[in-house]
């Protein structure tokens, strides 16, 4: 039996409102959400006076690198980093070693999650040019979705066969999540850069090599296929203002067949940051010119972009020290994603209600996650508490990532994550973890 938790005097951000509420959690679920529950007894009582509460962040795109790439990260370490940052559930990508391209290999990852993850978890089934039979066996109620790399990134899982794409889009009833960058465009831009600079390509050229056109061309193809077959398509990490034309805000999220995600680093960084941070902000798709960042904020606020995620993608510091061609793409971000958005709130870029919507409610709706993503009686108790009057300074010592670096080292955020509750378990409190319980496998309510 899980311990009961009573949270008093929290400013609850939920479903478009902020209201002071008491929250009683028992048997892993929200039991009562009322104005005054101070007469109740509980195993743990938290007086959250002055603090805010919202449903735990659901990050629909992370790379936790296990199995096979555990020199960079492990599900154990990165799930702890997630929970320290207020993320209670993650959906992890298939480009591990071996890649999750069979039902057996996918099941192996779920076993690791069950054993090691302090956060709730789900794992995408990978798609290649050759594994259609395995893909079509995927259980849509137990797996978050299918992942297609329509542009090569870390892990050599490029699907560039048009016939394979047509077949997948036409035959599956699963949600398809895509990485969209046109391979031919990237290859040609890479050739030109190599011709001009040899091995000494400046990091600042990354957004020209993996440019706006590469993104738009590939995203357009994915949208074309989804419309042709009425496929449930979710395009990951939109990084350009131009791509926003592919998406609509004219219908409710639950009715959309084509949805889009924006990542925290594309909202935070722009091309000017390569000068200071170099390969630390090298990622695919690339962080681009500031006009794209401005466009992404507009698209987020007007609901053409549906979800905020991280694409958390750690590499070792040593790997990141290579030249342009050798330094891998990817940034570790999951521990600070909510803090980044709270900083944006302080800068009047976004409301707290919108943060809760885009980081918790919308991922739950988009992926049809069962009984999570909202603070509702009867739902699983995934909750984060934060204090807007405290600060968090990022140091190497307080990073939970196995890679032990972050582009935010030395940064002070003007807020602090104080408590994270995962499926009714107080997993994180004031810098300390309680690892006595693991997270749960996410399930999905799909017809």
Protein backbone atom coordinates (compact mmCIF):
# COMPACT_ATOMS: atom_id res chain seq x y z
CA UNK A 1 0.00 0.00 0.00
CA UNK A 2 1.39 3.38 -1.01
CA UNK A 3 1.73 6.04 1.67
CA UNK A 4 -0.88 8.79 1.70
CA UNK A 5 0.17 12.39 1.06
CA UNK A 6 -1.67 15.58 2.00
CA UNK A 7 -0.64 18.82 0.32
CA UNK A 8 -2.02 21.97 1.92
CA UNK A 9 -2.36 25.52 0.57
CA UNK A 10 -0.93 24.91 -2.91
CA UNK A 11 -1.67 27.26 -5.80
CA UNK A 12 -2.88 24.62 -8.23
CA UNK A 13 -2.34 25.30 -11.93
CA UNK A 14 -4.75 23.00 -13.73
CA UNK A 15 -6.98 23.08 -16.81
CA UNK A 16 -6.62 26.80 -17.43
CA UNK A 17 -7.07 27.99 -13.84
CA UNK A 18 -4.94 28.80 -10.80
CA UNK A 19 -6.74 28.14 -7.51
CA UNK A 20 -5.55 27.57 -3.96
CA UNK A 21 -6.35 23.94 -3.16
CA UNK A 22 -5.55 21.14 -0.76
CA UNK A 23 -4.72 17.84 -2.46
CA UNK A 24 -5.09 14.42 -0.83
CA UNK A 25 -3.32 11.47 -2.44
CA UNK A 26 -3.92 7.85 -1.47
CA UNK A 27 -3.30 4.50 -3.17
CA UNK A 28 -1.25 6.28 -5.81
CA UNK A 29 -4.08 8.50 -7.03
CA UNK A 30 -5.57 11.92 -6.45
CA UNK A 31 -8.32 11.17 -3.94
CA UNK A 32 -9.65 14.60 -3.01
CA UNK A 33 -8.96 18.10 -4.36
CA UNK A 34 -10.79 20.63 -2.21
CA UNK A 35 -10.50 24.00 -0.52
CA UNK A 36 -9.84 22.75 3.03
CA UNK A 37 -8.67 19.24 3.82
CA UNK A 38 -6.63 20.19 6.90
CA UNK A 39 -8.65 17.84 9.10
CA UNK A 40 -7.43 14.77 7.17
CA UNK A 41 -4.63 12.55 8.42
CA UNK A 42 -1.87 11.38 6.07
CA UNK A 43 1.49 9.62 6.22
CA UNK A 44 3.15 12.74 4.76
CA UNK A 45 1.88 16.31 5.07
CA UNK A 46 3.37 19.07 2.90
CA UNK A 47 2.49 22.69 3.63
CA UNK A 48 2.86 24.25 0.18
CA UNK A 49 1.93 27.80 1.24
CA UNK A 50 3.33 30.18 -1.37
CA UNK A 51 4.17 27.36 -3.78
CA UNK A 52 2.60 26.25 -7.04
CA UNK A 53 1.51 22.76 -8.02
CA UNK A 54 0.79 21.30 -11.44
CA UNK A 55 0.49 17.89 -13.03
CA UNK A 56 3.91 16.32 -13.55
CA UNK A 57 5.61 17.09 -16.85
CA UNK A 58 5.19 14.42 -19.56
CA UNK A 59 8.22 14.54 -21.86
CA UNK A 60 7.35 12.81 -25.13
CA UNK A 61 10.90 12.76 -26.51
CA UNK A 62 14.01 11.69 -24.62
CA UNK A 63 17.10 9.61 -25.39
CA UNK A 64 18.23 7.78 -22.26
CA UNK A 65 20.77 5.68 -24.24
CA UNK A 66 20.12 2.27 -22.70
CA UNK A 67 20.86 -0.42 -23.75
CA UNK A 68 24.28 -0.24 -25.32
CA UNK A 69 25.26 3.42 -24.96
CA UNK A 70 25.53 3.48 -21.19
CA UNK A 71 28.81 5.39 -21.25
CA UNK A 72 26.60 8.41 -22.07
CA UNK A 73 23.52 7.76 -19.93
CA UNK A 74 21.32 5.12 -18.31
CA UNK A 75 17.61 4.94 -17.72
CA UNK A 76 18.38 5.00 -13.98
CA UNK A 77 20.40 8.24 -14.03
CA UNK A 78 18.35 10.15 -16.57
CA UNK A 79 15.02 9.23 -14.96
CA UNK A 80 16.38 10.69 -11.71
CA UNK A 81 17.37 13.85 -13.57
CA UNK A 82 13.86 14.01 -15.03
CA UNK A 83 12.21 13.69 -11.62
CA UNK A 84 14.54 16.31 -10.11
CA UNK A 85 13.25 18.67 -12.79
CA UNK A 86 9.54 17.93 -12.30
CA UNK A 87 9.15 15.44 -15.17
CA UNK A 88 7.15 12.45 -13.94
CA UNK A 89 6.74 10.53 -17.23
CA UNK A 90 8.95 10.10 -20.28
CA UNK A 91 8.72 8.51 -23.72
CA UNK A 92 12.09 7.25 -24.89
CA UNK A 93 13.47 6.81 -28.38
CA UNK A 94 14.59 3.59 -30.13
CA UNK A 95 18.07 4.58 -31.40
CA UNK A 96 19.95 2.62 -28.76
CA UNK A 97 22.31 -0.35 -29.23
CA UNK A 98 20.75 -2.57 -30.30
CA UNK A 99 18.03 -0.42 -31.81
CA UNK A 100 14.50 -1.24 -30.67
CA UNK A 101 13.44 -2.72 -34.02
CA UNK A 102 11.85 -5.98 -32.81
CA UNK A 103 9.17 -6.68 -30.24
CA UNK A 104 11.74 -8.62 -28.18
CA UNK A 105 14.22 -5.73 -28.12
CA UNK A 106 11.40 -3.33 -27.24
CA UNK A 107 10.32 -5.62 -24.39
CA UNK A 108 13.92 -5.65 -23.11
CA UNK A 109 13.80 -1.87 -22.70
CA UNK A 110 10.55 -2.09 -20.77
CA UNK A 111 12.23 -4.56 -18.41
CA UNK A 112 15.02 -2.07 -17.74
CA UNK A 113 12.45 0.66 -17.14
CA UNK A 114 10.52 -1.47 -14.66
CA UNK A 115 13.72 -2.27 -12.76
CA UNK A 116 15.49 1.08 -12.82
CA UNK A 117 13.22 4.06 -13.59
CA UNK A 118 12.04 6.29 -10.77
CA UNK A 119 9.81 8.05 -13.34
CA UNK A 120 6.89 6.62 -15.32
CA UNK A 121 8.02 5.38 -18.72
CA UNK A 122 7.13 4.35 -22.24
CA UNK A 123 9.36 3.39 -25.17
CA UNK A 124 8.82 3.99 -28.88
CA UNK A 125 9.00 1.14 -31.36
CA UNK A 126 11.62 1.88 -34.00
CA UNK A 127 10.98 1.75 -37.75
CA UNK A 128 13.65 0.88 -40.33
CA UNK A 129 13.58 0.14 -44.05
CA UNK A 130 13.32 -3.58 -43.24
CA UNK A 131 11.19 -4.26 -40.12
CA UNK A 132 7.60 -3.68 -41.25
CA UNK A 133 6.36 -7.04 -39.94
CA UNK A 134 7.66 -6.31 -36.43
CA UNK A 135 6.31 -2.76 -36.49
CA UNK A 136 2.78 -3.91 -37.24
CA UNK A 137 2.78 -6.18 -34.14
CA UNK A 138 3.06 -3.18 -31.79
CA UNK A 139 0.30 -2.91 -29.17
CA UNK A 140 -1.13 0.61 -29.38
CA UNK A 141 -2.47 0.52 -25.81
CA UNK A 142 0.90 -0.34 -24.23
CA UNK A 143 3.39 1.54 -26.45
CA UNK A 144 3.46 5.31 -26.94
CA UNK A 145 4.05 5.16 -30.70
CA UNK A 146 6.26 4.38 -33.67
CA UNK A 147 9.37 6.46 -34.35
CA UNK A 148 10.55 7.16 -37.89
CA UNK A 149 13.78 9.02 -38.60
CA UNK A 150 12.95 10.70 -41.92
CA UNK A 151 16.38 12.29 -41.68
CA UNK A 152 19.49 10.64 -40.29
CA UNK A 153 20.50 11.66 -36.80
CA UNK A 154 22.31 9.86 -34.00
CA UNK A 155 22.01 6.10 -34.41
CA UNK A 156 21.76 5.29 -38.15
CA UNK A 157 18.01 4.62 -38.35
CA UNK A 158 17.22 6.59 -41.49
CA UNK A 159 14.06 5.52 -43.31
CA UNK A 160 14.46 6.94 -46.82
CA UNK A 161 12.57 4.38 -48.87
CA UNK A 162 9.40 6.08 -50.13
CA UNK A 163 7.60 2.75 -50.52
CA UNK A 164 8.36 1.78 -46.92
CA UNK A 165 7.01 5.14 -45.74
CA UNK A 166 3.85 4.73 -47.82
CA UNK A 167 3.32 1.24 -46.40
CA UNK A 168 3.82 2.29 -42.76
CA UNK A 169 1.60 5.36 -43.09
CA UNK A 170 -1.13 3.36 -44.81
CA UNK A 171 -1.12 0.22 -42.64
CA UNK A 172 -0.61 1.28 -39.04
CA UNK A 173 -3.22 2.65 -36.65
CA UNK A 174 -0.47 3.68 -34.24
CA UNK A 175 0.68 7.24 -33.65
CA UNK A 176 3.76 7.86 -35.84
CA UNK A 177 6.34 10.29 -34.46
CA UNK A 178 8.82 11.60 -37.02
CA UNK A 179 12.21 13.29 -37.06
CA UNK A 180 11.99 15.39 -40.21
CA UNK A 181 15.08 16.61 -42.06
CA UNK A 182 15.55 15.94 -45.76
CA UNK A 183 18.60 13.73 -46.17
CA UNK A 184 19.57 14.83 -49.69
CA UNK A 185 19.54 18.48 -48.70
CA UNK A 186 21.70 17.84 -45.63
CA UNK A 187 24.16 15.73 -47.62
CA UNK A 188 24.55 18.38 -50.32
CA UNK A 189 25.02 21.16 -47.75
CA UNK A 190 27.56 18.98 -45.93
CA UNK A 191 29.46 18.40 -49.17
CA UNK A 192 29.64 22.13 -49.87
CA UNK A 193 30.82 22.86 -46.32
CA UNK A 194 33.49 20.15 -46.53
CA UNK A 195 34.64 21.54 -49.86
CA UNK A 196 35.01 25.02 -48.39
CA UNK A 197 36.30 24.32 -44.87
CA UNK A 198 37.59 20.74 -44.84
CA UNK A 199 37.70 19.54 -41.23
CA UNK A 200 37.51 23.08 -39.83
CA UNK A 201 33.80 23.74 -40.30
CA UNK A 202 32.67 26.28 -37.68
CA UNK A 203 29.87 25.07 -35.35
CA UNK A 204 27.94 28.19 -36.35
CA UNK A 205 27.45 26.65 -39.80
CA UNK A 206 25.25 23.88 -38.36
CA UNK A 207 21.97 25.75 -39.07
CA UNK A 208 23.07 26.27 -42.67
CA UNK A 209 23.99 22.61 -43.18
CA UNK A 210 20.79 21.37 -41.53
CA UNK A 211 18.80 24.31 -42.80
CA UNK A 212 15.20 25.52 -42.92
CA UNK A 213 14.62 23.93 -46.33
CA UNK A 214 15.79 20.49 -45.12
CA UNK A 215 13.27 20.65 -42.29
CA UNK A 216 10.38 22.00 -44.35
CA UNK A 217 10.85 19.57 -47.23
CA UNK A 218 10.79 16.53 -44.92
CA UNK A 219 7.94 17.78 -42.70
CA UNK A 220 5.90 18.55 -45.81
CA UNK A 221 6.36 14.97 -47.02
CA UNK A 222 5.27 13.56 -43.64
CA UNK A 223 2.17 15.76 -43.64
CA UNK A 224 1.40 14.80 -47.25
CA UNK A 225 1.55 11.08 -46.38
CA UNK A 226 -0.52 11.55 -43.20
CA UNK A 227 -3.24 13.40 -45.09
CA UNK A 228 -3.22 10.83 -47.87
CA UNK A 229 -3.82 7.91 -45.47
CA UNK A 230 -5.44 9.75 -42.52
CA UNK A 231 -2.52 8.61 -40.37
CA UNK A 232 -2.05 9.86 -36.81
CA UNK A 233 1.16 11.86 -37.24
CA UNK A 234 3.17 13.72 -34.59
CA UNK A 235 6.16 15.71 -35.87
CA UNK A 236 8.90 16.10 -33.31
CA UNK A 237 11.13 19.11 -32.53
CA UNK A 238 9.86 21.71 -35.01
CA UNK A 239 12.70 24.23 -35.34
CA UNK A 240 11.62 26.65 -38.09
CA UNK A 241 8.98 29.32 -38.45
CA UNK A 242 8.30 28.13 -42.01
CA UNK A 243 7.04 24.72 -40.84
CA UNK A 244 4.27 26.33 -38.81
CA UNK A 245 2.22 26.66 -42.00
CA UNK A 246 1.82 22.87 -41.98
CA UNK A 247 -0.20 22.87 -38.75
CA UNK A 248 -3.59 24.14 -37.65
CA UNK A 249 -5.07 25.66 -34.52
CA UNK A 250 -8.61 25.59 -35.90
CA UNK A 251 -9.70 22.37 -34.18
CA UNK A 252 -9.30 21.03 -30.61
CA UNK A 253 -6.16 19.01 -29.90
CA UNK A 254 -8.10 15.81 -29.25
CA UNK A 255 -9.47 15.98 -32.81
CA UNK A 256 -6.19 16.70 -34.58
CA UNK A 257 -4.72 13.94 -36.75
CA UNK A 258 -1.49 15.91 -37.28
CA UNK A 259 0.25 17.43 -34.27
CA UNK A 260 3.60 19.05 -33.57
CA UNK A 261 6.11 19.44 -30.78
CA UNK A 262 8.58 22.19 -29.99
CA UNK A 263 11.63 21.60 -27.79
CA UNK A 264 12.91 23.78 -24.99
CA UNK A 265 16.28 24.45 -26.61
CA UNK A 266 14.69 25.79 -29.80
CA UNK A 267 12.68 28.20 -27.63
CA UNK A 268 15.74 29.24 -25.59
CA UNK A 269 18.82 29.30 -27.83
CA UNK A 270 19.44 30.80 -31.26
CA UNK A 271 22.30 30.91 -33.76
CA UNK A 272 24.18 33.56 -31.77
CA UNK A 273 24.78 31.00 -28.99
CA UNK A 274 27.17 28.89 -31.10
CA UNK A 275 29.89 31.49 -30.52
CA UNK A 276 29.88 30.93 -26.75
CA UNK A 277 28.63 27.34 -26.43
CA UNK A 278 29.81 25.71 -29.67
CA UNK A 279 29.06 21.98 -29.80
CA UNK A 280 27.15 22.17 -26.50
CA UNK A 281 24.15 23.41 -28.49
CA UNK A 282 24.80 21.32 -31.59
CA UNK A 283 21.66 19.24 -32.07
CA UNK A 284 19.46 17.90 -34.87
CA UNK A 285 17.44 19.70 -36.08
CA UNK A 286 19.75 22.65 -35.55
CA UNK A 287 19.22 25.66 -33.35
CA UNK A 288 18.65 28.33 -35.99
CA UNK A 289 18.45 32.10 -36.48
CA UNK A 290 16.54 34.14 -33.89
CA UNK A 291 13.62 34.79 -36.28
CA UNK A 292 12.79 31.08 -36.07
CA UNK A 293 12.80 31.16 -32.28
CA UNK A 294 10.39 34.10 -32.36
CA UNK A 295 8.17 32.23 -34.79
CA UNK A 296 8.17 29.12 -32.60
CA UNK A 297 7.00 31.15 -29.59
CA UNK A 298 4.12 32.50 -31.67
CA UNK A 299 3.22 29.02 -32.91
CA UNK A 300 3.30 27.68 -29.36
CA UNK A 301 1.07 30.38 -27.96
CA UNK A 302 -1.48 30.18 -30.79
CA UNK A 303 -1.62 26.36 -30.57
CA UNK A 304 -0.17 25.40 -33.92
CA UNK A 305 2.55 23.78 -31.80
CA UNK A 306 0.91 21.42 -29.35
CA UNK A 307 3.56 20.11 -26.94
CA UNK A 308 6.79 21.24 -25.27
CA UNK A 309 9.44 18.52 -24.89
CA UNK A 310 13.23 18.25 -24.53
CA UNK A 311 14.73 15.74 -26.97
CA UNK A 312 17.12 15.15 -24.04
CA UNK A 313 20.16 13.62 -25.77
CA UNK A 314 23.32 13.27 -23.68
CA UNK A 315 26.82 12.55 -24.99
CA UNK A 316 30.03 12.47 -23.02
CA UNK A 317 31.96 15.71 -22.62
CA UNK A 318 34.91 14.10 -24.39
CA UNK A 319 32.76 13.25 -27.43
CA UNK A 320 31.47 16.81 -27.57
CA UNK A 321 35.04 18.16 -27.84
CA UNK A 322 35.48 16.83 -31.39
CA UNK A 323 35.47 19.02 -34.49
CA UNK A 324 32.24 19.80 -36.37
CA UNK A 325 32.16 16.43 -38.14
CA UNK A 326 33.02 14.39 -35.03
CA UNK A 327 31.14 16.10 -32.21
CA UNK A 328 27.78 14.30 -31.98
CA UNK A 329 24.49 16.20 -31.98
CA UNK A 330 22.40 16.26 -28.82
CA UNK A 331 21.96 18.25 -25.61
CA UNK A 332 21.11 17.07 -22.05
CA UNK A 333 18.05 19.09 -20.96
CA UNK A 334 15.49 17.07 -19.00
CA UNK A 335 16.54 18.27 -15.54
CA UNK A 336 15.92 21.93 -16.38
CA UNK A 337 13.06 21.98 -18.89
CA UNK A 338 10.39 23.19 -16.45
CA UNK A 339 12.81 25.71 -14.93
CA UNK A 340 13.47 27.04 -18.45
CA UNK A 341 9.75 27.59 -19.03
CA UNK A 342 9.30 29.17 -15.60
CA UNK A 343 12.08 31.59 -16.57
CA UNK A 344 10.10 32.39 -19.72
CA UNK A 345 7.06 33.01 -17.50
CA UNK A 346 9.10 35.50 -15.46
CA UNK A 347 9.99 37.21 -18.75
CA UNK A 348 6.26 37.49 -19.61
CA UNK A 349 6.60 35.17 -22.62
CA UNK A 350 4.10 32.55 -21.42
CA UNK A 351 1.55 32.07 -18.62
CA UNK A 352 1.73 29.39 -15.93
CA UNK A 353 -1.56 27.99 -17.23
CA UNK A 354 -0.05 27.61 -20.71
CA UNK A 355 3.05 25.88 -19.28
CA UNK A 356 0.85 23.30 -17.55
CA UNK A 357 -1.14 22.86 -20.74
CA UNK A 358 1.83 22.35 -23.07
CA UNK A 359 4.00 20.26 -20.73
CA UNK A 360 1.39 18.07 -19.00
CA UNK A 361 -2.17 18.31 -20.34
CA UNK A 362 -1.38 18.36 -24.07
CA UNK A 363 1.07 15.40 -24.09
CA UNK A 364 -1.57 13.35 -22.25
CA UNK A 365 -4.27 14.30 -24.78
CA UNK A 366 -2.01 13.98 -27.82
CA UNK A 367 -0.79 10.48 -26.90
CA UNK A 368 -4.05 9.46 -25.19
CA UNK A 369 -2.18 8.64 -21.99
CA UNK A 370 -4.51 6.89 -19.60
CA UNK A 371 -5.45 8.79 -16.42
CA UNK A 372 -2.46 11.13 -16.30
CA UNK A 373 -1.54 14.68 -17.25
CA UNK A 374 -4.26 16.42 -15.21
CA UNK A 375 -4.90 16.93 -11.51
CA UNK A 376 -8.27 15.16 -11.34
CA UNK A 377 -9.78 12.98 -8.67
CA UNK A 378 -9.21 9.33 -9.62
CA UNK A 379 -6.22 10.06 -11.86
CA UNK A 380 -2.72 8.78 -11.07
CA UNK A 381 -1.03 11.27 -8.76
CA UNK A 382 1.78 12.75 -10.85
CA UNK A 383 2.55 16.19 -9.44
CA UNK A 384 5.32 18.78 -9.23
CA UNK A 385 5.61 21.57 -6.69
CA UNK A 386 7.75 24.62 -7.36
CA UNK A 387 8.64 27.89 -5.66
CA UNK A 388 8.89 31.06 -7.74
CA UNK A 389 10.57 32.95 -4.85
CA UNK A 390 13.61 30.64 -4.66
CA UNK A 391 16.48 30.15 -7.11
CA UNK A 392 18.38 27.21 -8.62
CA UNK A 393 22.00 27.55 -9.68
CA UNK A 394 23.18 24.78 -12.02
CA UNK A 395 26.52 23.25 -11.04
CA UNK A 396 28.30 20.10 -12.10
CA UNK A 397 27.70 18.75 -8.59
CA UNK A 398 23.90 19.02 -8.75
CA UNK A 399 23.54 17.54 -12.24
CA UNK A 400 21.94 14.10 -12.14
CA UNK A 401 22.90 13.29 -15.73
CA UNK A 402 25.50 10.58 -16.13
CA UNK A 403 27.37 12.78 -18.63
CA UNK A 404 27.77 15.44 -15.90
CA UNK A 405 27.63 18.50 -18.13
CA UNK A 406 24.98 20.98 -19.23
CA UNK A 407 24.92 24.14 -21.35
CA UNK A 408 23.34 25.71 -18.24
CA UNK A 409 26.29 25.21 -15.88
CA UNK A 410 26.68 28.48 -13.98
CA UNK A 411 23.14 29.62 -14.85
CA UNK A 412 20.83 30.68 -12.01
CA UNK A 413 17.13 30.07 -12.64
CA UNK A 414 14.70 32.24 -10.66
CA UNK A 415 12.63 29.32 -9.38
CA UNK A 416 13.11 25.94 -7.72
CA UNK A 417 11.52 22.50 -8.08
CA UNK A 418 10.82 21.43 -4.49
CA UNK A 419 8.78 18.20 -4.70
CA UNK A 420 8.00 15.63 -7.40
CA UNK A 421 5.35 12.97 -6.84
CA UNK A 422 5.34 10.02 -9.26
CA UNK A 423 2.26 7.77 -9.30
CA UNK A 424 1.50 8.77 -5.70
CA UNK A 425 5.09 8.28 -4.45
CA UNK A 426 7.05 11.27 -3.13
CA UNK A 427 10.09 10.54 -5.26
CA UNK A 428 11.93 13.86 -4.82
CA UNK A 429 11.88 16.40 -2.02
CA UNK A 430 14.19 19.38 -1.54
CA UNK A 431 17.15 17.87 -3.37
CA UNK A 432 16.76 14.32 -2.02
CA UNK A 433 15.34 11.22 -3.69
CA UNK A 434 13.27 8.39 -2.23
CA UNK A 435 14.04 5.47 -4.54
CA UNK A 436 12.02 2.90 -2.60
CA UNK A 437 9.40 2.80 -5.38
CA UNK A 438 9.79 2.81 -9.14
CA UNK A 439 7.65 4.55 -11.72
CA UNK A 440 4.92 2.80 -13.71
CA UNK A 441 4.64 1.81 -17.34
CA UNK A 442 2.35 4.24 -19.12
CA UNK A 443 -0.78 2.85 -20.71
CA UNK A 444 -2.86 4.46 -23.43
CA UNK A 445 -6.60 4.72 -23.93
CA UNK A 446 -6.95 4.15 -27.66
CA UNK A 447 -9.89 2.63 -29.50
